[in-house]
N, C-alpha and C. Protein backbone atom coordinates (compact mmCIF):
# COMPACT_ATOMS: atom_id res chain seq x y z
N MET A 1 36.68 23.72 180.73
CA MET A 1 37.25 24.93 180.14
C MET A 1 36.94 26.13 181.03
N ASN A 2 37.84 27.07 181.08
CA ASN A 2 37.69 28.28 181.88
C ASN A 2 37.91 29.51 181.01
N VAL A 3 36.98 30.46 181.09
CA VAL A 3 37.09 31.70 180.31
C VAL A 3 36.85 32.90 181.21
N ILE A 4 37.76 33.86 181.14
CA ILE A 4 37.64 35.09 181.91
C ILE A 4 37.38 36.25 180.95
N PHE A 5 36.34 37.02 181.25
CA PHE A 5 35.90 38.11 180.39
C PHE A 5 36.29 39.47 180.99
N ASP A 6 36.89 40.32 180.18
CA ASP A 6 36.91 41.75 180.48
C ASP A 6 35.48 42.25 180.28
N MET A 7 35.20 43.50 180.66
CA MET A 7 33.84 44.00 180.47
C MET A 7 33.77 45.16 179.47
N ASP A 8 34.33 46.32 179.82
CA ASP A 8 34.20 47.51 178.98
C ASP A 8 34.92 47.32 177.65
N GLY A 9 34.19 47.52 176.55
CA GLY A 9 34.78 47.37 175.23
C GLY A 9 34.82 45.94 174.73
N LEU A 10 34.54 44.99 175.62
CA LEU A 10 34.57 43.57 175.26
C LEU A 10 33.16 42.99 175.27
N MET A 11 32.49 43.08 176.40
CA MET A 11 31.09 42.64 176.49
C MET A 11 30.12 43.76 176.13
N PHE A 12 30.49 44.97 176.54
CA PHE A 12 29.60 46.12 176.35
C PHE A 12 30.33 47.27 175.66
N ASP A 13 29.58 48.02 174.88
CA ASP A 13 30.15 49.14 174.12
C ASP A 13 30.17 50.40 175.00
N THR A 14 30.71 50.24 176.21
CA THR A 14 30.66 51.31 177.20
C THR A 14 31.80 52.32 177.07
N GLU A 15 32.87 51.95 176.39
CA GLU A 15 33.98 52.89 176.27
C GLU A 15 33.59 54.10 175.41
N ARG A 16 32.74 53.87 174.42
CA ARG A 16 32.26 55.00 173.61
C ARG A 16 31.35 55.91 174.43
N VAL A 17 30.59 55.31 175.35
CA VAL A 17 29.76 56.11 176.25
C VAL A 17 30.66 56.95 177.16
N PHE A 18 31.76 56.36 177.60
CA PHE A 18 32.68 57.08 178.48
C PHE A 18 33.36 58.23 177.75
N ILE A 19 33.60 58.09 176.46
CA ILE A 19 34.15 59.20 175.67
C ILE A 19 33.19 60.39 175.74
N GLU A 20 31.91 60.11 175.57
CA GLU A 20 30.90 61.18 175.66
C GLU A 20 30.88 61.78 177.06
N ALA A 21 31.00 60.91 178.07
CA ALA A 21 30.96 61.39 179.47
C ALA A 21 32.14 62.31 179.77
N TRP A 22 33.33 61.93 179.30
CA TRP A 22 34.50 62.77 179.58
C TRP A 22 34.54 64.02 178.69
N ASP A 23 33.93 63.94 177.52
CA ASP A 23 33.74 65.17 176.73
C ASP A 23 32.87 66.15 177.51
N TYR A 24 31.78 65.64 178.03
CA TYR A 24 30.82 66.46 178.80
C TYR A 24 31.49 67.02 180.06
N ALA A 25 32.14 66.14 180.82
CA ALA A 25 32.76 66.57 182.07
C ALA A 25 33.89 67.57 181.82
N GLY A 26 34.68 67.31 180.78
CA GLY A 26 35.79 68.21 180.46
C GLY A 26 35.32 69.62 180.16
N GLU A 27 34.24 69.72 179.40
CA GLU A 27 33.70 71.05 179.08
C GLU A 27 33.13 71.72 180.33
N LYS A 28 32.53 70.92 181.21
CA LYS A 28 31.96 71.47 182.44
C LYS A 28 33.03 72.05 183.36
N ILE A 29 34.21 71.43 183.39
CA ILE A 29 35.25 71.89 184.31
C ILE A 29 36.29 72.78 183.64
N GLY A 30 36.05 73.10 182.36
CA GLY A 30 36.87 74.12 181.71
C GLY A 30 38.13 73.66 181.02
N ILE A 31 38.26 72.34 180.75
CA ILE A 31 39.47 71.89 180.04
C ILE A 31 39.13 71.46 178.61
N GLY A 32 37.87 71.61 178.22
CA GLY A 32 37.46 71.21 176.88
C GLY A 32 37.16 69.72 176.81
N LYS A 33 36.71 69.26 175.66
CA LYS A 33 36.35 67.86 175.49
C LYS A 33 37.56 66.96 175.81
N ALA A 34 37.35 66.04 176.72
CA ALA A 34 38.46 65.21 177.18
C ALA A 34 38.20 63.72 176.94
N GLY A 35 37.28 63.42 176.04
CA GLY A 35 36.97 62.02 175.76
C GLY A 35 38.15 61.23 175.24
N TYR A 36 39.11 61.91 174.62
CA TYR A 36 40.29 61.22 174.10
C TYR A 36 41.09 60.54 175.21
N MET A 37 40.86 60.95 176.46
CA MET A 37 41.57 60.33 177.58
C MET A 37 41.17 58.87 177.77
N VAL A 38 40.03 58.48 177.23
CA VAL A 38 39.64 57.07 177.30
C VAL A 38 40.68 56.21 176.60
N LEU A 39 41.19 56.68 175.47
CA LEU A 39 42.19 55.92 174.72
C LEU A 39 43.50 55.82 175.48
N LYS A 40 43.80 56.83 176.29
CA LYS A 40 45.04 56.83 177.06
C LYS A 40 44.95 55.96 178.31
N THR A 41 43.74 55.59 178.70
CA THR A 41 43.55 54.85 179.96
C THR A 41 42.84 53.52 179.77
N LEU A 42 42.79 53.01 178.56
CA LEU A 42 42.08 51.76 178.29
C LEU A 42 42.58 50.63 179.20
N GLY A 43 41.66 49.96 179.85
CA GLY A 43 41.99 48.81 180.67
C GLY A 43 42.41 49.13 182.09
N MET A 44 42.59 50.41 182.42
CA MET A 44 43.07 50.79 183.75
C MET A 44 41.92 50.96 184.73
N ASN A 45 42.20 50.75 186.01
CA ASN A 45 41.20 51.06 187.03
C ASN A 45 41.21 52.56 187.31
N ILE A 46 40.32 53.01 188.19
CA ILE A 46 40.15 54.45 188.42
C ILE A 46 41.42 55.10 188.93
N THR A 47 42.09 54.46 189.88
CA THR A 47 43.30 55.04 190.47
C THR A 47 44.38 55.24 189.41
N ALA A 48 44.61 54.21 188.61
CA ALA A 48 45.63 54.32 187.56
C ALA A 48 45.23 55.34 186.50
N SER A 49 43.93 55.41 186.19
CA SER A 49 43.45 56.38 185.20
C SER A 49 43.71 57.81 185.65
N TYR A 50 43.45 58.08 186.94
CA TYR A 50 43.64 59.44 187.43
C TYR A 50 45.12 59.82 187.49
N ASN A 51 46.01 58.84 187.61
CA ASN A 51 47.44 59.14 187.51
C ASN A 51 47.78 59.66 186.11
N VAL A 52 47.15 59.06 185.09
CA VAL A 52 47.36 59.51 183.72
C VAL A 52 46.76 60.91 183.53
N TRP A 53 45.58 61.13 184.12
CA TRP A 53 44.96 62.47 184.06
C TRP A 53 45.87 63.52 184.69
N ASN A 54 46.48 63.18 185.80
CA ASN A 54 47.36 64.13 186.47
C ASN A 54 48.59 64.45 185.62
N GLU A 55 49.09 63.46 184.91
CA GLU A 55 50.22 63.70 184.00
C GLU A 55 49.80 64.60 182.84
N GLU A 56 48.56 64.43 182.38
CA GLU A 56 48.07 65.18 181.22
C GLU A 56 47.71 66.62 181.58
N PHE A 57 47.05 66.82 182.73
CA PHE A 57 46.48 68.12 183.04
C PHE A 57 47.06 68.81 184.27
N GLY A 58 47.80 68.05 185.10
CA GLY A 58 48.40 68.66 186.28
C GLY A 58 47.35 69.35 187.15
N ASP A 59 47.61 70.61 187.46
CA ASP A 59 46.71 71.38 188.33
C ASP A 59 45.58 72.07 187.55
N CYS A 60 45.47 71.75 186.26
CA CYS A 60 44.49 72.45 185.42
C CYS A 60 43.07 71.90 185.56
N TYR A 61 42.90 70.86 186.37
CA TYR A 61 41.56 70.31 186.54
C TYR A 61 41.38 69.87 187.98
N ASN A 62 40.13 69.75 188.38
CA ASN A 62 39.79 69.30 189.72
C ASN A 62 39.20 67.88 189.62
N GLN A 63 39.87 66.94 190.26
CA GLN A 63 39.48 65.54 190.14
C GLN A 63 38.08 65.28 190.67
N GLU A 64 37.73 65.93 191.78
CA GLU A 64 36.40 65.73 192.35
C GLU A 64 35.31 66.24 191.40
N GLU A 65 35.56 67.38 190.76
CA GLU A 65 34.59 67.91 189.80
C GLU A 65 34.48 66.99 188.59
N LEU A 66 35.61 66.45 188.15
CA LEU A 66 35.59 65.51 187.03
C LEU A 66 34.71 64.31 187.37
N ARG A 67 34.91 63.74 188.56
CA ARG A 67 34.10 62.61 189.00
C ARG A 67 32.62 62.98 189.03
N LYS A 68 32.34 64.14 189.58
CA LYS A 68 30.95 64.59 189.74
C LYS A 68 30.24 64.67 188.39
N TYR A 69 30.85 65.33 187.41
CA TYR A 69 30.18 65.52 186.13
C TYR A 69 30.19 64.24 185.28
N THR A 70 31.22 63.42 185.45
CA THR A 70 31.24 62.13 184.76
C THR A 70 30.07 61.28 185.25
N LYS A 71 29.92 61.22 186.58
CA LYS A 71 28.83 60.43 187.17
C LYS A 71 27.47 60.99 186.76
N GLU A 72 27.37 62.32 186.72
CA GLU A 72 26.12 62.97 186.32
C GLU A 72 25.72 62.54 184.91
N PHE A 73 26.68 62.55 183.99
CA PHE A 73 26.39 62.15 182.61
C PHE A 73 25.99 60.67 182.55
N LEU A 74 26.78 59.81 183.21
CA LEU A 74 26.53 58.37 183.13
C LEU A 74 25.20 57.98 183.76
N GLN A 75 24.87 58.59 184.88
CA GLN A 75 23.58 58.29 185.52
C GLN A 75 22.42 58.66 184.62
N LYS A 76 22.52 59.82 183.98
CA LYS A 76 21.45 60.24 183.07
C LYS A 76 21.38 59.31 181.86
N TYR A 77 22.56 58.96 181.30
CA TYR A 77 22.58 58.10 180.12
C TYR A 77 21.95 56.75 180.42
N TYR A 78 22.36 56.12 181.54
CA TYR A 78 21.87 54.79 181.83
C TYR A 78 20.46 54.78 182.41
N SER A 79 19.96 55.94 182.81
CA SER A 79 18.55 56.01 183.20
C SER A 79 17.64 56.03 181.96
N GLU A 80 18.24 56.40 180.82
CA GLU A 80 17.47 56.52 179.58
C GLU A 80 17.80 55.42 178.57
N ASN A 81 18.90 54.69 178.79
CA ASN A 81 19.36 53.69 177.82
C ASN A 81 19.81 52.42 178.53
N LYS A 82 19.61 51.30 177.87
CA LYS A 82 20.16 50.03 178.35
C LYS A 82 21.65 50.03 178.05
N VAL A 83 22.41 49.22 178.81
CA VAL A 83 23.83 49.09 178.52
C VAL A 83 23.98 48.50 177.11
N PRO A 84 24.82 49.12 176.25
CA PRO A 84 24.96 48.65 174.87
C PRO A 84 25.78 47.35 174.80
N VAL A 85 25.15 46.29 174.36
CA VAL A 85 25.76 44.95 174.34
C VAL A 85 26.52 44.74 173.02
N LYS A 86 27.72 44.19 173.13
CA LYS A 86 28.53 43.94 171.93
C LYS A 86 28.01 42.71 171.18
N LYS A 87 28.20 42.73 169.88
CA LYS A 87 27.72 41.65 169.01
C LYS A 87 28.29 40.29 169.44
N GLY A 88 27.41 39.33 169.57
CA GLY A 88 27.80 37.95 169.83
C GLY A 88 27.90 37.58 171.30
N LEU A 89 27.66 38.53 172.21
CA LEU A 89 27.83 38.22 173.63
C LEU A 89 26.90 37.10 174.08
N TYR A 90 25.62 37.21 173.77
CA TYR A 90 24.67 36.20 174.24
C TYR A 90 24.93 34.83 173.59
N VAL A 91 25.29 34.86 172.33
CA VAL A 91 25.59 33.60 171.62
C VAL A 91 26.78 32.90 172.26
N LEU A 92 27.83 33.67 172.56
CA LEU A 92 29.03 33.09 173.16
C LEU A 92 28.74 32.57 174.57
N LEU A 93 28.05 33.37 175.40
CA LEU A 93 27.76 32.94 176.76
C LEU A 93 26.90 31.68 176.78
N ASP A 94 25.89 31.63 175.91
CA ASP A 94 25.03 30.45 175.86
C ASP A 94 25.82 29.21 175.45
N TYR A 95 26.72 29.38 174.47
CA TYR A 95 27.53 28.24 174.03
C TYR A 95 28.45 27.76 175.16
N LEU A 96 29.13 28.69 175.82
CA LEU A 96 30.05 28.30 176.88
C LEU A 96 29.33 27.63 178.05
N ARG A 97 28.13 28.12 178.36
CA ARG A 97 27.33 27.45 179.41
C ARG A 97 26.95 26.05 178.97
N GLN A 98 26.59 25.90 177.71
CA GLN A 98 26.17 24.61 177.17
C GLN A 98 27.29 23.56 177.28
N VAL A 99 28.54 24.00 177.12
CA VAL A 99 29.67 23.06 177.18
C VAL A 99 30.29 23.03 178.58
N ASN A 100 29.54 23.55 179.57
CA ASN A 100 29.96 23.51 180.98
C ASN A 100 31.26 24.25 181.25
N CYS A 101 31.43 25.35 180.59
CA CYS A 101 32.59 26.20 180.82
C CYS A 101 32.39 27.02 182.09
N ASN A 102 33.45 27.18 182.88
CA ASN A 102 33.43 28.07 184.04
C ASN A 102 33.84 29.47 183.59
N MET A 103 33.04 30.48 183.97
CA MET A 103 33.30 31.84 183.51
C MET A 103 33.41 32.83 184.66
N ALA A 104 34.30 33.79 184.51
CA ALA A 104 34.46 34.86 185.49
C ALA A 104 34.65 36.18 184.75
N VAL A 105 34.54 37.28 185.48
CA VAL A 105 34.76 38.62 184.93
C VAL A 105 35.96 39.24 185.63
N ALA A 106 36.84 39.87 184.85
CA ALA A 106 37.98 40.62 185.38
C ALA A 106 37.94 42.01 184.77
N SER A 107 37.30 42.94 185.45
CA SER A 107 37.09 44.28 184.91
C SER A 107 37.75 45.33 185.78
N SER A 108 38.33 46.34 185.15
CA SER A 108 38.96 47.44 185.88
C SER A 108 37.94 48.42 186.44
N SER A 109 36.70 48.33 186.01
CA SER A 109 35.66 49.23 186.51
C SER A 109 35.31 48.88 187.96
N PRO A 110 34.72 49.84 188.71
CA PRO A 110 34.33 49.56 190.09
C PRO A 110 33.20 48.54 190.16
N ARG A 111 33.09 47.88 191.30
CA ARG A 111 32.16 46.76 191.44
C ARG A 111 30.70 47.17 191.19
N TRP A 112 30.28 48.34 191.72
CA TRP A 112 28.88 48.75 191.54
C TRP A 112 28.54 48.88 190.07
N GLU A 113 29.51 49.35 189.27
CA GLU A 113 29.27 49.55 187.84
C GLU A 113 29.24 48.21 187.11
N VAL A 114 30.18 47.33 187.43
CA VAL A 114 30.24 46.02 186.79
C VAL A 114 28.96 45.22 187.06
N GLU A 115 28.59 45.14 188.34
CA GLU A 115 27.39 44.38 188.68
C GLU A 115 26.15 44.99 188.04
N GLY A 116 26.09 46.33 188.00
CA GLY A 116 24.95 46.99 187.38
C GLY A 116 24.81 46.67 185.91
N HIS A 117 25.93 46.72 185.18
CA HIS A 117 25.88 46.44 183.74
C HIS A 117 25.55 44.97 183.47
N LEU A 118 26.16 44.06 184.24
CA LEU A 118 25.88 42.64 184.04
C LEU A 118 24.41 42.31 184.28
N LYS A 119 23.85 42.90 185.33
CA LYS A 119 22.43 42.67 185.64
C LYS A 119 21.53 43.33 184.62
N ASP A 120 21.89 44.53 184.19
CA ASP A 120 21.11 45.26 183.19
C ASP A 120 21.01 44.47 181.89
N ALA A 121 22.11 43.79 181.54
CA ALA A 121 22.13 43.01 180.29
C ALA A 121 21.60 41.59 180.49
N GLY A 122 21.30 41.23 181.74
CA GLY A 122 20.75 39.90 182.01
C GLY A 122 21.76 38.78 181.95
N VAL A 123 23.05 39.09 182.22
CA VAL A 123 24.08 38.06 182.09
C VAL A 123 24.83 37.79 183.41
N TYR A 124 24.40 38.41 184.48
CA TYR A 124 25.11 38.30 185.76
C TYR A 124 25.26 36.84 186.20
N ASP A 125 24.23 36.05 186.01
CA ASP A 125 24.22 34.67 186.52
C ASP A 125 25.07 33.70 185.70
N TYR A 126 25.64 34.16 184.61
CA TYR A 126 26.52 33.28 183.82
C TYR A 126 27.87 33.09 184.51
N PHE A 127 28.22 33.98 185.43
CA PHE A 127 29.58 34.03 185.94
C PHE A 127 29.70 33.47 187.36
N VAL A 128 30.76 32.69 187.57
CA VAL A 128 31.06 32.14 188.88
C VAL A 128 31.40 33.26 189.85
N GLY A 129 32.10 34.27 189.36
CA GLY A 129 32.48 35.40 190.21
C GLY A 129 33.03 36.53 189.38
N ILE A 130 33.25 37.67 190.05
CA ILE A 130 33.80 38.83 189.37
C ILE A 130 34.92 39.43 190.22
N VAL A 131 35.92 39.96 189.54
CA VAL A 131 36.98 40.73 190.19
C VAL A 131 36.98 42.11 189.52
N CYS A 132 36.92 43.16 190.34
CA CYS A 132 36.77 44.52 189.81
C CYS A 132 37.96 45.40 190.22
N GLY A 133 38.03 46.56 189.59
CA GLY A 133 39.15 47.45 189.80
C GLY A 133 39.32 47.93 191.22
N ASP A 134 38.22 48.00 191.98
CA ASP A 134 38.30 48.45 193.36
C ASP A 134 38.46 47.28 194.34
N MET A 135 38.76 46.10 193.80
CA MET A 135 38.97 44.92 194.63
C MET A 135 40.43 44.45 194.58
N ILE A 136 41.28 45.20 193.88
CA ILE A 136 42.68 44.83 193.72
C ILE A 136 43.59 46.02 194.05
N GLN A 137 44.84 45.71 194.31
CA GLN A 137 45.82 46.76 194.61
C GLN A 137 46.42 47.35 193.33
N ASN A 138 46.66 46.49 192.35
CA ASN A 138 47.40 46.89 191.15
C ASN A 138 46.54 46.78 189.90
N SER A 139 46.48 47.85 189.13
CA SER A 139 45.67 47.90 187.91
C SER A 139 46.32 47.10 186.78
N LYS A 140 45.49 46.64 185.84
CA LYS A 140 46.04 46.16 184.58
C LYS A 140 46.98 47.25 184.04
N PRO A 141 48.14 46.92 183.50
CA PRO A 141 48.61 45.63 182.99
C PRO A 141 49.24 44.69 184.01
N ASP A 142 49.20 45.04 185.30
CA ASP A 142 49.65 44.11 186.32
C ASP A 142 48.76 42.86 186.28
N PRO A 143 49.32 41.67 186.52
CA PRO A 143 48.53 40.43 186.40
C PRO A 143 47.63 40.12 187.58
N GLU A 144 47.64 40.95 188.63
CA GLU A 144 46.90 40.62 189.86
C GLU A 144 45.44 40.23 189.61
N ILE A 145 44.75 40.98 188.78
CA ILE A 145 43.32 40.75 188.57
C ILE A 145 43.06 39.38 187.94
N TYR A 146 43.98 38.93 187.08
CA TYR A 146 43.81 37.62 186.45
C TYR A 146 44.21 36.47 187.39
N PHE A 147 45.16 36.72 188.27
CA PHE A 147 45.44 35.72 189.30
C PHE A 147 44.20 35.49 190.16
N LYS A 148 43.55 36.59 190.55
CA LYS A 148 42.37 36.48 191.41
C LYS A 148 41.19 35.83 190.67
N ALA A 149 41.01 36.20 189.41
CA ALA A 149 39.89 35.63 188.64
C ALA A 149 40.07 34.13 188.43
N SER A 150 41.28 33.71 188.10
CA SER A 150 41.52 32.27 187.90
C SER A 150 41.34 31.52 189.22
N GLU A 151 41.73 32.15 190.33
CA GLU A 151 41.52 31.53 191.65
C GLU A 151 40.04 31.33 191.93
N LEU A 152 39.22 32.32 191.55
CA LEU A 152 37.76 32.18 191.72
C LEU A 152 37.22 30.99 190.94
N LEU A 153 37.83 30.71 189.81
CA LEU A 153 37.39 29.59 188.97
C LEU A 153 37.95 28.26 189.46
N GLY A 154 38.86 28.32 190.44
CA GLY A 154 39.48 27.09 190.92
C GLY A 154 40.42 26.50 189.90
N ALA A 155 41.05 27.38 189.11
CA ALA A 155 41.92 26.94 188.02
C ALA A 155 43.26 27.66 188.08
N LYS A 156 44.25 27.08 187.45
CA LYS A 156 45.53 27.77 187.26
C LYS A 156 45.36 28.77 186.12
N PRO A 157 46.08 29.90 186.13
CA PRO A 157 45.95 30.87 185.04
C PRO A 157 46.17 30.26 183.66
N GLU A 158 47.13 29.33 183.57
CA GLU A 158 47.42 28.73 182.26
C GLU A 158 46.28 27.84 181.76
N GLU A 159 45.31 27.56 182.62
CA GLU A 159 44.13 26.79 182.23
C GLU A 159 42.96 27.69 181.82
N CYS A 160 43.22 29.01 181.76
CA CYS A 160 42.15 29.98 181.48
C CYS A 160 42.41 30.76 180.19
N PHE A 161 41.36 30.90 179.40
CA PHE A 161 41.37 31.85 178.29
C PHE A 161 40.92 33.21 178.82
N ALA A 162 41.49 34.28 178.28
CA ALA A 162 41.14 35.63 178.71
C ALA A 162 40.71 36.44 177.50
N LEU A 163 39.49 36.95 177.53
CA LEU A 163 38.96 37.75 176.42
C LEU A 163 39.13 39.23 176.75
N GLU A 164 39.85 39.95 175.89
CA GLU A 164 40.21 41.34 176.15
C GLU A 164 40.18 42.16 174.87
N ASP A 165 40.07 43.49 175.04
CA ASP A 165 40.12 44.39 173.88
C ASP A 165 41.26 45.40 173.96
N SER A 166 41.86 45.59 175.14
CA SER A 166 42.88 46.63 175.31
C SER A 166 44.27 46.04 175.50
N LYS A 167 45.28 46.84 175.23
CA LYS A 167 46.66 46.39 175.42
C LYS A 167 46.93 46.10 176.89
N ASN A 168 46.49 46.99 177.78
CA ASN A 168 46.72 46.77 179.21
C ASN A 168 46.07 45.47 179.69
N GLY A 169 44.86 45.20 179.19
CA GLY A 169 44.18 43.98 179.57
C GLY A 169 44.87 42.73 179.07
N LEU A 170 45.30 42.77 177.81
CA LEU A 170 45.98 41.63 177.23
C LEU A 170 47.32 41.36 177.91
N LEU A 171 48.04 42.44 178.24
CA LEU A 171 49.31 42.28 178.96
C LEU A 171 49.07 41.68 180.34
N SER A 172 48.03 42.13 181.01
CA SER A 172 47.68 41.60 182.33
C SER A 172 47.43 40.10 182.26
N ALA A 173 46.62 39.69 181.30
CA ALA A 173 46.30 38.27 181.14
C ALA A 173 47.53 37.46 180.79
N TYR A 174 48.33 37.96 179.88
CA TYR A 174 49.54 37.26 179.43
C TYR A 174 50.54 37.10 180.58
N ARG A 175 50.72 38.17 181.35
CA ARG A 175 51.67 38.13 182.46
C ARG A 175 51.23 37.20 183.57
N ALA A 176 49.92 36.99 183.68
CA ALA A 176 49.40 36.03 184.66
C ALA A 176 49.60 34.60 184.21
N GLY A 177 49.76 34.42 182.90
CA GLY A 177 49.92 33.08 182.34
C GLY A 177 48.69 32.56 181.62
N CYS A 178 47.65 33.42 181.50
CA CYS A 178 46.44 33.03 180.76
C CYS A 178 46.69 33.01 179.27
N LYS A 179 45.72 32.49 178.52
CA LYS A 179 45.79 32.49 177.05
C LYS A 179 44.93 33.64 176.54
N PRO A 180 45.54 34.76 176.12
CA PRO A 180 44.76 35.95 175.75
C PRO A 180 44.18 35.84 174.34
N ILE A 181 42.89 36.18 174.24
CA ILE A 181 42.20 36.29 172.95
C ILE A 181 41.73 37.73 172.81
N MET A 182 42.01 38.33 171.68
CA MET A 182 41.67 39.74 171.49
C MET A 182 40.46 39.93 170.58
N VAL A 183 39.56 40.80 171.03
CA VAL A 183 38.45 41.27 170.20
C VAL A 183 38.57 42.80 170.20
N PRO A 184 39.22 43.39 169.20
CA PRO A 184 39.50 44.84 169.23
C PRO A 184 38.24 45.68 169.30
N ASP A 185 38.37 46.81 170.00
CA ASP A 185 37.28 47.79 170.09
C ASP A 185 37.80 49.14 169.60
N LEU A 186 38.29 49.97 170.51
CA LEU A 186 38.80 51.29 170.12
C LEU A 186 40.25 51.25 169.67
N TRP A 187 40.95 50.18 170.00
CA TRP A 187 42.40 50.10 169.75
C TRP A 187 42.73 48.85 168.95
N GLN A 188 43.55 49.02 167.93
CA GLN A 188 44.01 47.89 167.12
C GLN A 188 45.39 47.46 167.60
N PRO A 189 45.66 46.16 167.63
CA PRO A 189 46.90 45.66 168.23
C PRO A 189 48.14 46.06 167.45
N ASP A 190 49.23 46.31 168.19
CA ASP A 190 50.54 46.53 167.57
C ASP A 190 51.24 45.17 167.46
N GLU A 191 52.44 45.18 166.88
CA GLU A 191 53.16 43.92 166.66
C GLU A 191 53.47 43.21 167.97
N GLU A 192 53.82 43.97 168.99
CA GLU A 192 54.13 43.38 170.29
C GLU A 192 52.93 42.60 170.82
N THR A 193 51.76 43.20 170.72
CA THR A 193 50.56 42.57 171.24
C THR A 193 50.20 41.31 170.45
N LEU A 194 50.35 41.36 169.15
CA LEU A 194 50.01 40.21 168.31
C LEU A 194 50.85 38.98 168.67
N ARG A 195 52.03 39.21 169.21
CA ARG A 195 52.89 38.09 169.61
C ARG A 195 52.44 37.45 170.92
N LEU A 196 51.61 38.15 171.67
CA LEU A 196 51.19 37.66 172.98
C LEU A 196 49.89 36.85 172.95
N ILE A 197 49.09 37.06 171.91
CA ILE A 197 47.73 36.52 171.91
C ILE A 197 47.65 35.18 171.16
N VAL A 198 46.61 34.40 171.49
CA VAL A 198 46.41 33.12 170.81
C VAL A 198 45.38 33.25 169.69
N GLY A 199 44.72 34.40 169.61
CA GLY A 199 43.75 34.62 168.54
C GLY A 199 43.21 36.04 168.56
N LYS A 200 42.77 36.52 167.40
CA LYS A 200 42.18 37.86 167.26
C LYS A 200 40.94 37.73 166.40
N TYR A 201 39.80 38.25 166.89
CA TYR A 201 38.52 38.11 166.19
C TYR A 201 37.77 39.42 166.20
N SER A 202 36.91 39.60 165.21
CA SER A 202 36.23 40.89 165.05
C SER A 202 35.06 41.05 166.00
N ASP A 203 34.48 39.93 166.48
CA ASP A 203 33.38 40.03 167.44
C ASP A 203 33.29 38.73 168.24
N LEU A 204 32.42 38.72 169.23
CA LEU A 204 32.32 37.58 170.14
C LEU A 204 31.67 36.36 169.49
N GLU A 205 30.90 36.58 168.45
CA GLU A 205 30.34 35.43 167.72
C GLU A 205 31.45 34.65 167.02
N GLU A 206 32.44 35.36 166.50
CA GLU A 206 33.60 34.69 165.90
C GLU A 206 34.38 33.90 166.95
N VAL A 207 34.46 34.45 168.15
CA VAL A 207 35.12 33.73 169.24
C VAL A 207 34.37 32.43 169.54
N LYS A 208 33.05 32.51 169.58
CA LYS A 208 32.23 31.31 169.81
C LYS A 208 32.51 30.26 168.75
N ASN A 209 32.58 30.69 167.49
CA ASN A 209 32.84 29.75 166.40
C ASN A 209 34.22 29.11 166.54
N ALA A 210 35.19 29.89 166.99
CA ALA A 210 36.54 29.36 167.18
C ALA A 210 36.56 28.29 168.27
N PHE A 211 35.88 28.55 169.38
CA PHE A 211 35.78 27.54 170.44
C PHE A 211 35.06 26.29 169.93
N GLU A 212 33.97 26.52 169.22
CA GLU A 212 33.16 25.40 168.72
C GLU A 212 33.95 24.53 167.76
N ASN A 213 34.83 25.16 166.98
CA ASN A 213 35.63 24.42 165.99
C ASN A 213 36.97 23.96 166.54
N HIS A 214 37.13 24.09 167.86
CA HIS A 214 38.33 23.61 168.55
C HIS A 214 39.61 24.22 167.98
N VAL A 215 39.56 25.52 167.70
CA VAL A 215 40.75 26.22 167.19
C VAL A 215 41.84 26.28 168.25
N PHE A 216 41.42 26.38 169.53
CA PHE A 216 42.38 26.54 170.62
C PHE A 216 42.62 25.21 171.33
N THR A 217 43.82 25.09 171.88
CA THR A 217 44.15 23.95 172.72
C THR A 217 43.76 24.29 174.14
N VAL A 218 42.87 23.49 174.73
CA VAL A 218 42.39 23.76 176.09
C VAL A 218 43.39 23.23 177.10
């Protein structure tokens, strides 16, 4: 069995931290609290996210200053706090390792951030490999990241389950040919999304139970 994990909002409760970071940065650069932009950019890599920022604010903000204050907030936060782990992550990873599942990460975040969070949570060694937002040309919902992740696993996309929380992530996995499973975080699925997924669960422990009970066809 092959399982590909998104990271932000799926393994870790980092999207809520990012809301605080963009609230902080937005006030610092004079556009007011901008944490709501997290909802507009869920699943996107940095380049795609800043395209959305440019559509929203145009010349009213400075991208370099936004990066500076966002990084300032995040560095301070993670120097004082462990990465917040989502319910059921360790249970699911231990179960999948026990049944000899091959696992990879497909995250839109930059590599330094992904590796840092995985190591901070003590789960880095569970994964065969990782594909990050700064390692691909096209952001989710483009399927490129899932093509690369399945290749790392030595599997065809249709042989891989993809765990995601965002619409862009689920579309990316579906378009690659993976079997998308949704664990909602900040966004609840619309009717279009529900037609694409093979299952929807409230947390990762429920996903583990579904695998254990052979709910899915491998």
